[in-house]
Amino acid sequence: MLAMFFWAFIIGGLICVVGQLMFDVGRMTPGHTMSTLVVVGAILGGFGVYEPLIDFAGAGATIPITSFGNSLVNGALQEADQHGLVGVLTGMFEITSSGISAAVVFSFIGALLFKSKG
């Protein structure tokens, strides 16, 4: 069990280090960095590489933003098999809708509770 926590920490930390390097060395904006990490997760998911990473690292691979891209691709592929081209569009949002909804709701609550610095 300790090894599971160790690898989750290492893999999740490495994903975060890559994101931080994109900020610091690549001088990318937060939006560009997040978009790039989502696309990388989607590409890895499309090639079937991200699922074994999740099996190995657990939360270290499911918590970072790269997992969102993987979820989008998995949903699209699952629904495309059943419903064709329309399934590609609906499948992406079917699997990720709870995460998107939570982000909207918690952002709204945060905006109500805290004053913006800008």
N, C-alpha and C. Protein backbone atom coordinates (compact mmCIF):
# COMPACT_ATOMS: atom_id res chain seq x y z
N MET A 1 0.82 -1.18 0.00
CA MET A 1 0.00 0.00 0.00
C MET A 1 0.87 1.26 0.00
N LEU A 2 1.98 1.22 0.69
CA LEU A 2 2.88 2.36 0.73
C LEU A 2 3.45 2.65 -0.66
N ALA A 3 3.70 1.60 -1.43
CA ALA A 3 4.21 1.78 -2.79
C ALA A 3 3.18 2.48 -3.67
N MET A 4 1.90 2.19 -3.45
CA MET A 4 0.83 2.84 -4.21
C MET A 4 0.84 4.35 -3.96
N PHE A 5 0.98 4.75 -2.70
CA PHE A 5 1.04 6.17 -2.37
C PHE A 5 2.30 6.81 -2.95
N PHE A 6 3.40 6.09 -2.88
CA PHE A 6 4.66 6.60 -3.40
C PHE A 6 4.55 6.91 -4.89
N TRP A 7 4.05 5.94 -5.67
CA TRP A 7 3.98 6.14 -7.12
C TRP A 7 2.93 7.19 -7.50
N ALA A 8 1.85 7.27 -6.74
CA ALA A 8 0.87 8.33 -7.00
C ALA A 8 1.52 9.70 -6.79
N PHE A 9 2.29 9.83 -5.73
CA PHE A 9 2.99 11.08 -5.44
C PHE A 9 4.00 11.41 -6.53
N ILE A 10 4.78 10.43 -6.96
CA ILE A 10 5.82 10.66 -7.97
C ILE A 10 5.21 11.03 -9.31
N ILE A 11 4.24 10.26 -9.79
CA ILE A 11 3.65 10.51 -11.10
C ILE A 11 2.87 11.83 -11.10
N GLY A 12 2.06 12.05 -10.08
CA GLY A 12 1.33 13.32 -9.98
C GLY A 12 2.28 14.50 -9.88
N GLY A 13 3.34 14.32 -9.11
CA GLY A 13 4.34 15.38 -8.98
C GLY A 13 5.05 15.66 -10.28
N LEU A 14 5.36 14.62 -11.05
CA LEU A 14 6.03 14.82 -12.34
C LEU A 14 5.13 15.58 -13.32
N ILE A 15 3.85 15.26 -13.31
CA ILE A 15 2.91 15.99 -14.18
C ILE A 15 2.88 17.47 -13.77
N CYS A 16 2.88 17.73 -12.47
CA CYS A 16 2.88 19.11 -11.99
C CYS A 16 4.20 19.82 -12.30
N VAL A 17 5.31 19.09 -12.24
CA VAL A 17 6.61 19.68 -12.58
C VAL A 17 6.62 20.08 -14.06
N VAL A 18 6.07 19.24 -14.91
CA VAL A 18 6.00 19.58 -16.33
C VAL A 18 5.19 20.86 -16.52
N GLY A 19 4.06 20.95 -15.85
CA GLY A 19 3.25 22.16 -15.94
C GLY A 19 3.99 23.39 -15.43
N GLN A 20 4.71 23.26 -14.33
CA GLN A 20 5.47 24.39 -13.78
C GLN A 20 6.60 24.79 -14.71
N LEU A 21 7.24 23.82 -15.34
CA LEU A 21 8.29 24.14 -16.31
C LEU A 21 7.73 24.87 -17.52
N MET A 22 6.50 24.51 -17.90
CA MET A 22 5.86 25.21 -19.01
C MET A 22 5.64 26.68 -18.65
N PHE A 23 5.29 26.95 -17.39
CA PHE A 23 5.15 28.33 -16.91
C PHE A 23 6.48 29.05 -16.90
N ASP A 24 7.45 28.46 -16.20
CA ASP A 24 8.70 29.15 -15.91
C ASP A 24 9.66 29.20 -17.09
N VAL A 25 9.90 28.07 -17.71
CA VAL A 25 10.88 28.01 -18.79
C VAL A 25 10.24 28.37 -20.12
N GLY A 26 9.06 27.82 -20.37
CA GLY A 26 8.39 28.08 -21.64
C GLY A 26 7.65 29.40 -21.69
N ARG A 27 7.53 30.07 -20.54
CA ARG A 27 6.83 31.36 -20.44
C ARG A 27 5.42 31.28 -21.02
N MET A 28 4.76 30.14 -20.79
CA MET A 28 3.39 29.97 -21.27
C MET A 28 2.41 30.56 -20.25
N THR A 29 1.29 31.02 -20.73
CA THR A 29 0.26 31.53 -19.84
C THR A 29 -0.45 30.36 -19.17
N PRO A 30 -1.17 30.60 -18.08
CA PRO A 30 -1.91 29.51 -17.44
C PRO A 30 -2.89 28.82 -18.40
N GLY A 31 -3.56 29.60 -19.22
CA GLY A 31 -4.50 29.03 -20.18
C GLY A 31 -3.83 28.13 -21.20
N HIS A 32 -2.69 28.58 -21.72
CA HIS A 32 -1.95 27.77 -22.68
C HIS A 32 -1.42 26.49 -22.03
N THR A 33 -0.94 26.62 -20.82
CA THR A 33 -0.40 25.46 -20.11
C THR A 33 -1.50 24.43 -19.85
N MET A 34 -2.63 24.88 -19.34
CA MET A 34 -3.73 23.95 -19.07
C MET A 34 -4.23 23.30 -20.35
N SER A 35 -4.38 24.08 -21.40
CA SER A 35 -4.85 23.53 -22.67
C SER A 35 -3.88 22.49 -23.22
N THR A 36 -2.60 22.79 -23.12
CA THR A 36 -1.58 21.85 -23.59
C THR A 36 -1.63 20.54 -22.81
N LEU A 37 -1.76 20.64 -21.49
CA LEU A 37 -1.82 19.43 -20.67
C LEU A 37 -3.08 18.62 -20.94
N VAL A 38 -4.19 19.28 -21.20
CA VAL A 38 -5.42 18.56 -21.56
C VAL A 38 -5.24 17.84 -22.89
N VAL A 39 -4.64 18.52 -23.86
CA VAL A 39 -4.42 17.90 -25.17
C VAL A 39 -3.46 16.72 -25.06
N VAL A 40 -2.41 16.87 -24.27
CA VAL A 40 -1.47 15.75 -24.07
C VAL A 40 -2.19 14.56 -23.44
N GLY A 41 -3.03 14.82 -22.43
CA GLY A 41 -3.80 13.74 -21.82
C GLY A 41 -4.74 13.09 -22.81
N ALA A 42 -5.35 13.90 -23.70
CA ALA A 42 -6.24 13.36 -24.71
C ALA A 42 -5.49 12.49 -25.72
N ILE A 43 -4.32 12.95 -26.13
CA ILE A 43 -3.52 12.17 -27.08
C ILE A 43 -3.07 10.85 -26.45
N LEU A 44 -2.58 10.92 -25.21
CA LEU A 44 -2.16 9.69 -24.53
C LEU A 44 -3.34 8.75 -24.33
N GLY A 45 -4.51 9.30 -24.02
CA GLY A 45 -5.70 8.47 -23.88
C GLY A 45 -6.13 7.85 -25.20
N GLY A 46 -6.02 8.61 -26.28
CA GLY A 46 -6.38 8.10 -27.61
C GLY A 46 -5.49 6.96 -28.06
N PHE A 47 -4.23 7.00 -27.66
CA PHE A 47 -3.30 5.93 -28.01
C PHE A 47 -3.31 4.79 -27.00
N GLY A 48 -4.13 4.92 -25.96
CA GLY A 48 -4.24 3.85 -24.97
C GLY A 48 -3.11 3.81 -23.95
N VAL A 49 -2.38 4.89 -23.81
CA VAL A 49 -1.25 4.93 -22.89
C VAL A 49 -1.67 5.42 -21.50
N TYR A 50 -2.71 6.25 -21.43
CA TYR A 50 -3.06 6.88 -20.16
C TYR A 50 -3.73 5.90 -19.19
N GLU A 51 -4.52 4.98 -19.68
CA GLU A 51 -5.19 4.02 -18.79
C GLU A 51 -4.20 3.15 -18.01
N PRO A 52 -3.14 2.61 -18.65
CA PRO A 52 -2.14 1.89 -17.85
C PRO A 52 -1.45 2.79 -16.83
N LEU A 53 -1.28 4.06 -17.15
CA LEU A 53 -0.69 5.01 -16.19
C LEU A 53 -1.62 5.18 -14.99
N ILE A 54 -2.92 5.24 -15.23
CA ILE A 54 -3.89 5.34 -14.14
C ILE A 54 -3.86 4.07 -13.30
N ASP A 55 -3.78 2.92 -13.95
CA ASP A 55 -3.70 1.66 -13.20
C ASP A 55 -2.45 1.61 -12.32
N PHE A 56 -1.36 2.18 -12.80
CA PHE A 56 -0.10 2.17 -12.06
C PHE A 56 -0.06 3.23 -10.96
N ALA A 57 -0.46 4.46 -11.29
CA ALA A 57 -0.27 5.58 -10.38
C ALA A 57 -1.54 5.99 -9.62
N GLY A 58 -2.68 5.46 -9.98
CA GLY A 58 -3.92 5.80 -9.28
C GLY A 58 -4.22 7.28 -9.33
N ALA A 59 -4.42 7.88 -8.15
CA ALA A 59 -4.79 9.30 -8.05
C ALA A 59 -3.69 10.21 -8.59
N GLY A 60 -2.47 9.75 -8.65
CA GLY A 60 -1.40 10.55 -9.22
C GLY A 60 -1.61 10.84 -10.69
N ALA A 61 -2.40 10.00 -11.35
CA ALA A 61 -2.70 10.22 -12.76
C ALA A 61 -4.14 10.69 -12.99
N THR A 62 -5.03 10.47 -12.02
CA THR A 62 -6.43 10.87 -12.23
C THR A 62 -6.73 12.28 -11.74
N ILE A 63 -5.94 12.81 -10.82
CA ILE A 63 -6.21 14.15 -10.28
C ILE A 63 -5.72 15.28 -11.19
N PRO A 64 -4.53 15.20 -11.79
CA PRO A 64 -4.06 16.32 -12.63
C PRO A 64 -4.97 16.56 -13.85
N ILE A 65 -4.81 17.71 -14.46
CA ILE A 65 -5.65 18.14 -15.58
C ILE A 65 -5.51 17.24 -16.80
N THR A 66 -4.41 16.50 -16.91
CA THR A 66 -4.24 15.60 -18.05
C THR A 66 -5.31 14.52 -18.07
N SER A 67 -5.82 14.16 -16.90
CA SER A 67 -6.88 13.16 -16.83
C SER A 67 -8.17 13.64 -17.47
N PHE A 68 -8.40 14.96 -17.46
CA PHE A 68 -9.60 15.51 -18.09
C PHE A 68 -9.57 15.25 -19.59
N GLY A 69 -8.43 15.45 -20.21
CA GLY A 69 -8.30 15.15 -21.64
C GLY A 69 -8.51 13.68 -21.93
N ASN A 70 -7.97 12.84 -21.07
CA ASN A 70 -8.17 11.40 -21.22
C ASN A 70 -9.65 11.04 -21.11
N SER A 71 -10.36 11.66 -20.16
CA SER A 71 -11.78 11.38 -19.98
C SER A 71 -12.60 11.83 -21.19
N LEU A 72 -12.24 12.97 -21.76
CA LEU A 72 -12.93 13.45 -22.96
C LEU A 72 -12.81 12.45 -24.10
N VAL A 73 -11.60 11.97 -24.33
CA VAL A 73 -11.38 11.01 -25.42
C VAL A 73 -12.07 9.69 -25.15
N ASN A 74 -11.99 9.19 -23.91
CA ASN A 74 -12.64 7.92 -23.60
C ASN A 74 -14.15 8.00 -23.80
N GLY A 75 -14.76 9.09 -23.34
CA GLY A 75 -16.19 9.27 -23.53
C GLY A 75 -16.57 9.34 -25.00
N ALA A 76 -15.78 10.08 -25.77
CA ALA A 76 -16.05 10.22 -27.20
C ALA A 76 -15.92 8.88 -27.92
N LEU A 77 -14.91 8.11 -27.59
CA LEU A 77 -14.70 6.82 -28.25
C LEU A 77 -15.78 5.81 -27.88
N GLN A 78 -16.18 5.80 -26.61
CA GLN A 78 -17.23 4.87 -26.18
C GLN A 78 -18.55 5.17 -26.88
N GLU A 79 -18.93 6.42 -26.91
CA GLU A 79 -20.20 6.79 -27.54
C GLU A 79 -20.13 6.71 -29.06
N ALA A 80 -18.97 6.92 -29.65
CA ALA A 80 -18.83 6.81 -31.10
C ALA A 80 -19.08 5.37 -31.55
N ASP A 81 -18.67 4.41 -30.74
CA ASP A 81 -18.93 3.01 -31.08
C ASP A 81 -20.42 2.70 -31.10
N GLN A 82 -21.18 3.35 -30.23
CA GLN A 82 -22.61 3.07 -30.12
C GLN A 82 -23.47 3.94 -31.03
N HIS A 83 -23.10 5.23 -31.17
CA HIS A 83 -23.99 6.17 -31.86
C HIS A 83 -23.35 6.89 -33.04
N GLY A 84 -22.17 6.53 -33.41
CA GLY A 84 -21.53 7.16 -34.56
C GLY A 84 -21.02 8.55 -34.26
N LEU A 85 -21.09 9.42 -35.26
CA LEU A 85 -20.53 10.77 -35.16
C LEU A 85 -21.20 11.60 -34.07
N VAL A 86 -22.50 11.47 -33.91
CA VAL A 86 -23.20 12.22 -32.86
C VAL A 86 -22.70 11.78 -31.49
N GLY A 87 -22.37 10.53 -31.33
CA GLY A 87 -21.85 10.02 -30.07
C GLY A 87 -20.53 10.64 -29.67
N VAL A 88 -19.74 11.05 -30.66
CA VAL A 88 -18.46 11.70 -30.35
C VAL A 88 -18.72 12.98 -29.56
N LEU A 89 -19.68 13.76 -29.99
CA LEU A 89 -19.97 15.03 -29.31
C LEU A 89 -20.65 14.82 -27.96
N THR A 90 -21.62 13.92 -27.92
CA THR A 90 -22.34 13.72 -26.66
C THR A 90 -21.51 12.95 -25.64
N GLY A 91 -20.67 12.05 -26.09
CA GLY A 91 -19.88 11.22 -25.18
C GLY A 91 -18.86 12.01 -24.39
N MET A 92 -18.27 13.03 -25.02
CA MET A 92 -17.28 13.84 -24.32
C MET A 92 -17.89 14.49 -23.08
N PHE A 93 -19.09 15.00 -23.23
CA PHE A 93 -19.70 15.74 -22.14
C PHE A 93 -20.46 14.85 -21.17
N GLU A 94 -20.86 13.69 -21.62
CA GLU A 94 -21.57 12.77 -20.73
C GLU A 94 -20.68 12.31 -19.58
N ILE A 95 -19.46 11.98 -19.88
CA ILE A 95 -18.55 11.48 -18.85
C ILE A 95 -17.98 12.61 -18.00
N THR A 96 -17.74 13.76 -18.59
CA THR A 96 -17.09 14.84 -17.86
C THR A 96 -18.06 15.89 -17.31
N SER A 97 -19.34 15.69 -17.50
CA SER A 97 -20.31 16.72 -17.09
C SER A 97 -20.31 16.99 -15.58
N SER A 98 -20.11 15.98 -14.78
CA SER A 98 -20.09 16.22 -13.33
C SER A 98 -18.89 17.08 -12.93
N GLY A 99 -17.74 16.86 -13.52
CA GLY A 99 -16.57 17.67 -13.23
C GLY A 99 -16.73 19.10 -13.70
N ILE A 100 -17.30 19.26 -14.89
CA ILE A 100 -17.53 20.60 -15.42
C ILE A 100 -18.55 21.34 -14.55
N SER A 101 -19.62 20.66 -14.18
CA SER A 101 -20.65 21.27 -13.33
C SER A 101 -20.08 21.67 -11.97
N ALA A 102 -19.27 20.80 -11.38
CA ALA A 102 -18.67 21.11 -10.09
C ALA A 102 -17.75 22.33 -10.20
N ALA A 103 -17.00 22.44 -11.28
CA ALA A 103 -16.12 23.59 -11.46
C ALA A 103 -16.92 24.88 -11.57
N VAL A 104 -18.02 24.84 -12.28
CA VAL A 104 -18.86 26.04 -12.42
C VAL A 104 -19.47 26.42 -11.08
N VAL A 105 -20.04 25.45 -10.38
CA VAL A 105 -20.71 25.73 -9.10
C VAL A 105 -19.71 26.25 -8.06
N PHE A 106 -18.57 25.58 -7.91
CA PHE A 106 -17.60 26.01 -6.91
C PHE A 106 -16.94 27.34 -7.29
N SER A 107 -16.79 27.62 -8.55
CA SER A 107 -16.27 28.92 -8.97
C SER A 107 -17.25 30.02 -8.62
N PHE A 108 -18.52 29.74 -8.83
CA PHE A 108 -19.55 30.72 -8.47
C PHE A 108 -19.56 30.99 -6.97
N ILE A 109 -19.48 29.93 -6.19
CA ILE A 109 -19.45 30.08 -4.73
C ILE A 109 -18.21 30.85 -4.29
N GLY A 110 -17.07 30.53 -4.90
CA GLY A 110 -15.83 31.26 -4.59
C GLY A 110 -15.94 32.73 -4.94
N ALA A 111 -16.59 33.03 -6.06
CA ALA A 111 -16.77 34.43 -6.46
C ALA A 111 -17.67 35.17 -5.48
N LEU A 112 -18.63 34.48 -4.91
CA LEU A 112 -19.52 35.11 -3.93
C LEU A 112 -18.82 35.35 -2.59
N LEU A 113 -17.94 34.44 -2.21
CA LEU A 113 -17.31 34.51 -0.89
C LEU A 113 -16.08 35.38 -0.82
N PHE A 114 -15.37 35.52 -1.93
CA PHE A 114 -14.08 36.21 -1.91
C PHE A 114 -14.07 37.38 -2.88
N LYS A 115 -13.32 38.41 -2.52
CA LYS A 115 -13.21 39.59 -3.36
C LYS A 115 -12.06 39.41 -4.36
N SER A 116 -12.29 39.78 -5.59
CA SER A 116 -11.28 39.69 -6.64
C SER A 116 -10.14 40.67 -6.39
N LYS A 117 -8.93 40.26 -6.72
CA LYS A 117 -7.77 41.15 -6.56
C LYS A 117 -7.65 42.11 -7.74
N GLY A 118 -8.28 41.80 -8.86
CA GLY A 118 -8.12 42.59 -10.07
C GLY A 118 -9.06 43.66 -10.16
